C-alpha atoms as a PDB file:
ATOM      1  CA  UNK A   1      -8.748 -14.833 -11.690  1.00  0.00           C
ATOM      2  CA  UNK A   2      -8.570 -15.508  -8.038  1.00  0.00           C
ATOM      3  CA  UNK A   3      -7.515 -12.197  -6.182  1.00  0.00           C
ATOM      4  CA  UNK A   4      -7.007 -11.978  -2.555  1.00  0.00           C
ATOM      5  CA  UNK A   5      -6.659  -8.753  -0.273  1.00  0.00           C
ATOM      6  CA  UNK A   6      -3.203  -8.619   0.764  1.00  0.00           C
ATOM      7  CA  UNK A   7      -2.985  -5.775   3.188  1.00  0.00           C
ATOM      8  CA  UNK A   8      -4.778  -2.327   3.716  1.00  0.00           C
ATOM      9  CA  UNK A   9      -2.211   0.607   3.714  1.00  0.00           C
ATOM     10  CA  UNK A  10      -2.213   3.540   6.028  1.00  0.00           C
ATOM     11  CA  UNK A  11      -0.195   6.643   5.761  1.00  0.00           C
ATOM     12  CA  UNK A  12       0.802   8.021   9.148  1.00  0.00           C
ATOM     13  CA  UNK A  13       2.990  10.461  10.719  1.00  0.00           C
ATOM     14  CA  UNK A  14       4.400   8.025  13.099  1.00  0.00           C
ATOM     15  CA  UNK A  15       4.431   4.367  12.575  1.00  0.00           C
ATOM     16  CA  UNK A  16       5.033   3.089  16.204  1.00  0.00           C
ATOM     17  CA  UNK A  17       2.350   5.482  17.970  1.00  0.00           C
ATOM     18  CA  UNK A  18      -0.265   4.886  15.213  1.00  0.00           C
ATOM     19  CA  UNK A  19       0.220   0.944  15.320  1.00  0.00           C
ATOM     20  CA  UNK A  20       0.071   1.190  19.079  1.00  0.00           C
ATOM     21  CA  UNK A  21      -3.633   1.999  18.755  1.00  0.00           C
ATOM     22  CA  UNK A  22      -4.681  -0.793  16.529  1.00  0.00           C
ATOM     23  CA  UNK A  23      -6.071  -3.869  18.550  1.00  0.00           C
ATOM     24  CA  UNK A  24      -4.308  -7.237  17.678  1.00  0.00           C
ATOM     25  CA  UNK A  25      -1.717  -5.866  15.355  1.00  0.00           C
ATOM     26  CA  UNK A  26       1.518  -7.604  15.582  1.00  0.00           C
ATOM     27  CA  UNK A  27       4.606  -6.269  13.790  1.00  0.00           C
ATOM     28  CA  UNK A  28       6.086  -8.403  11.274  1.00  0.00           C
ATOM     29  CA  UNK A  29       8.867  -6.703   9.566  1.00  0.00           C
ATOM     30  CA  UNK A  30      10.024  -2.734   8.803  1.00  0.00           C
ATOM     31  CA  UNK A  31      11.969  -1.439   6.135  1.00  0.00           C
ATOM     32  CA  UNK A  32      13.014   2.326   4.568  1.00  0.00           C
ATOM     33  CA  UNK A  33      12.116   2.119   0.920  1.00  0.00           C
ATOM     34  CA  UNK A  34      14.188   4.795  -0.767  1.00  0.00           C
ATOM     35  CA  UNK A  35      12.205   4.525  -3.975  1.00  0.00           C
ATOM     36  CA  UNK A  36       9.085   5.736  -1.981  1.00  0.00           C
ATOM     37  CA  UNK A  37      10.981   7.825   0.319  1.00  0.00           C
ATOM     38  CA  UNK A  38       9.129   6.244   3.219  1.00  0.00           C
ATOM     39  CA  UNK A  39       9.592   4.062   6.457  1.00  0.00           C
ATOM     40  CA  UNK A  40       7.347   1.117   5.941  1.00  0.00           C
ATOM     41  CA  UNK A  41       6.059  -1.353   8.451  1.00  0.00           C
ATOM     42  CA  UNK A  42       3.846  -4.475   7.978  1.00  0.00           C
ATOM     43  CA  UNK A  43       1.766  -5.857  10.919  1.00  0.00           C
ATOM     44  CA  UNK A  44      -0.347  -8.992  10.981  1.00  0.00           C
ATOM     45  CA  UNK A  45      -3.790  -9.127  12.368  1.00  0.00           C
ATOM     46  CA  UNK A  46      -5.498 -12.318  13.276  1.00  0.00           C
ATOM     47  CA  UNK A  47      -5.149 -15.115  10.644  1.00  0.00           C
ATOM     48  CA  UNK A  48      -3.623 -13.922   7.697  1.00  0.00           C
ATOM     49  CA  UNK A  49      -4.898 -10.210   7.418  1.00  0.00           C
ATOM     50  CA  UNK A  50      -2.376  -7.514   7.307  1.00  0.00           C
ATOM     51  CA  UNK A  51      -1.880  -3.868   7.513  1.00  0.00           C
ATOM     52  CA  UNK A  52       1.009  -1.571   6.056  1.00  0.00           C
ATOM     53  CA  UNK A  53       1.822   1.401   7.740  1.00  0.00           C
ATOM     54  CA  UNK A  54       3.437   3.957   5.623  1.00  0.00           C
ATOM     55  CA  UNK A  55       5.574   7.143   7.187  1.00  0.00           C
ATOM     56  CA  UNK A  56       6.717   9.358   4.568  1.00  0.00           C
ATOM     57  CA  UNK A  57      10.144  10.844   4.910  1.00  0.00           C
ATOM     58  CA  UNK A  58       9.589  14.422   3.591  1.00  0.00           C
ATOM     59  CA  UNK A  59       7.911  16.200   0.530  1.00  0.00           C
ATOM     60  CA  UNK A  60       9.720  13.918  -2.073  1.00  0.00           C
ATOM     61  CA  UNK A  61       8.043  10.950  -0.853  1.00  0.00           C
ATOM     62  CA  UNK A  62       5.103   9.648  -2.894  1.00  0.00           C
ATOM     63  CA  UNK A  63       2.567   9.642  -0.113  1.00  0.00           C
ATOM     64  CA  UNK A  64       3.920  13.088   1.366  1.00  0.00           C
ATOM     65  CA  UNK A  65       1.030  15.073  -0.414  1.00  0.00           C
ATOM     66  CA  UNK A  66      -1.708  12.592   0.983  1.00  0.00           C
ATOM     67  CA  UNK A  67      -0.526  13.081   4.502  1.00  0.00           C
ATOM     68  CA  UNK A  68      -0.262  16.853   4.453  1.00  0.00           C
ATOM     69  CA  UNK A  69      -3.683  17.165   2.319  1.00  0.00           C
ATOM     70  CA  UNK A  70      -5.780  14.130   3.886  1.00  0.00           C
ATOM     71  CA  UNK A  71      -4.030  13.558   7.267  1.00  0.00           C
ATOM     72  CA  UNK A  72      -3.168  10.063   8.665  1.00  0.00           C
ATOM     73  CA  UNK A  73      -5.587   7.401   7.601  1.00  0.00           C
ATOM     74  CA  UNK A  74      -6.235   4.804   4.935  1.00  0.00           C
ATOM     75  CA  UNK A  75      -4.609   5.167   1.772  1.00  0.00           C
ATOM     76  CA  UNK A  76      -5.014   2.089  -0.236  1.00  0.00           C
ATOM     77  CA  UNK A  77      -6.144  -1.669  -0.531  1.00  0.00           C
ATOM     78  CA  UNK A  78      -3.813  -4.242  -1.881  1.00  0.00           C
ATOM     79  CA  UNK A  79      -4.622  -7.292  -3.999  1.00  0.00           C
ATOM     80  CA  UNK A  80      -2.511 -10.108  -4.696  1.00  0.00           C
ATOM     81  CA  UNK A  81      -2.934 -13.349  -6.982  1.00  0.00           C
ATOM     82  CA  UNK A  82      -3.056 -11.684 -10.378  1.00  0.00           C
ATOM     83  CA  UNK A  83      -0.412 -11.679 -13.228  1.00  0.00           C
ATOM     84  CA  UNK A  84       0.474  -8.289 -14.831  1.00  0.00           C
ATOM     85  CA  UNK A  85      -1.661  -9.089 -17.767  1.00  0.00           C
ATOM     86  CA  UNK A  86      -4.635  -9.950 -15.349  1.00  0.00           C
ATOM     87  CA  UNK A  87      -3.984  -6.565 -13.494  1.00  0.00           C
ATOM     88  CA  UNK A  88      -3.976  -4.549 -17.001  1.00  0.00           C
ATOM     89  CA  UNK A  89      -7.125  -6.284 -17.947  1.00  0.00           C
ATOM     90  CA  UNK A  90      -8.975  -5.208 -14.854  1.00  0.00           C
ATOM     91  CA  UNK A  91      -7.530  -1.746 -15.131  1.00  0.00           C
ATOM     92  CA  UNK A  92      -9.157  -1.610 -18.759  1.00  0.00           C
ATOM     93  CA  UNK A  93     -12.587  -3.202 -17.703  1.00  0.00           C
ATOM     94  CA  UNK A  94     -12.727  -1.131 -14.546  1.00  0.00           C
ATOM     95  CA  UNK A  95     -11.299   1.939 -16.131  1.00  0.00           C
ATOM     96  CA  UNK A  96      -8.769   2.284 -13.411  1.00  0.00           C
ATOM     97  CA  UNK A  97      -5.899   4.872 -14.072  1.00  0.00           C
ATOM     98  CA  UNK A  98      -2.492   3.491 -13.727  1.00  0.00           C
ATOM     99  CA  UNK A  99      -0.506   5.816 -11.272  1.00  0.00           C
ATOM    100  CA  UNK A 100       2.914   4.086 -10.851  1.00  0.00           C
ATOM    101  CA  UNK A 101       4.333   0.641 -11.759  1.00  0.00           C
ATOM    102  CA  UNK A 102       5.356  -2.057 -12.170  1.00  0.00           C
ATOM    103  CA  UNK A 103       7.913  -1.016  -9.739  1.00  0.00           C
ATOM    104  CA  UNK A 104       9.878  -3.088  -6.701  1.00  0.00           C
ATOM    105  CA  UNK A 105       8.396  -3.048  -3.379  1.00  0.00           C
ATOM    106  CA  UNK A 106      11.331  -3.958  -1.086  1.00  0.00           C
ATOM    107  CA  UNK A 107       8.940  -4.637   1.838  1.00  0.00           C
ATOM    108  CA  UNK A 108       7.360  -7.365  -0.149  1.00  0.00           C
ATOM    109  CA  UNK A 109      10.368  -8.503  -2.493  1.00  0.00           C
ATOM    110  CA  UNK A 110       7.964  -8.282  -5.504  1.00  0.00           C
ATOM    111  CA  UNK A 111       7.035  -5.767  -7.715  1.00  0.00           C
ATOM    112  CA  UNK A 112       3.777  -3.626  -7.528  1.00  0.00           C
ATOM    113  CA  UNK A 113       1.770  -1.710  -9.640  1.00  0.00           C
ATOM    114  CA  UNK A 114      -0.468   1.382  -8.144  1.00  0.00           C
ATOM    115  CA  UNK A 115      -3.757   2.382  -9.837  1.00  0.00           C
ATOM    116  CA  UNK A 116      -6.683   4.604  -8.890  1.00  0.00           C
ATOM    117  CA  UNK A 117     -10.424   4.446  -9.527  1.00  0.00           C
ATOM    118  CA  UNK A 118     -12.905   6.792 -10.903  1.00  0.00           C
ATOM    119  CA  UNK A 119     -13.756   7.642  -7.204  1.00  0.00           C
ATOM    120  CA  UNK A 120     -10.291   8.402  -6.397  1.00  0.00           C
ATOM    121  CA  UNK A 121      -9.565   5.210  -4.319  1.00  0.00           C
ATOM    122  CA  UNK A 122      -5.993   3.763  -4.678  1.00  0.00           C
ATOM    123  CA  UNK A 123      -5.522   0.243  -5.340  1.00  0.00           C
ATOM    124  CA  UNK A 124      -2.371  -1.525  -5.161  1.00  0.00           C
ATOM    125  CA  UNK A 125      -1.322  -4.953  -7.062  1.00  0.00           C
ATOM    126  CA  UNK A 126       1.056  -7.101  -5.677  1.00  0.00           C
ATOM    127  CA  UNK A 127       2.649  -9.029  -8.698  1.00  0.00           C
END
């Protein structure tokens, strides 16, 4: 297995104002994801690092509850470079609870799977 960090995800109330405060963040692309019920934007930082900003559209959004209870801030870390069987193995070995997926992620044009650690940290796997 050779996973890499693809991005860090932040849930925010307003993408433009939140992104403007991040040093060196350069906008790559934005989309509305109807499955997640959120506006999404991907920003690059330096040489290959990325930040995803997630702006929930309302109470039906996956991340609305997070924003309302925890406020704006870091939501998840996303790994890439693993197959679905490898992700399932990691989930079993690390005792991660699968939250959602595999499901399509239109921002990336690939499927993703979300899991949560015993310490309640959210992990996304880009498949």
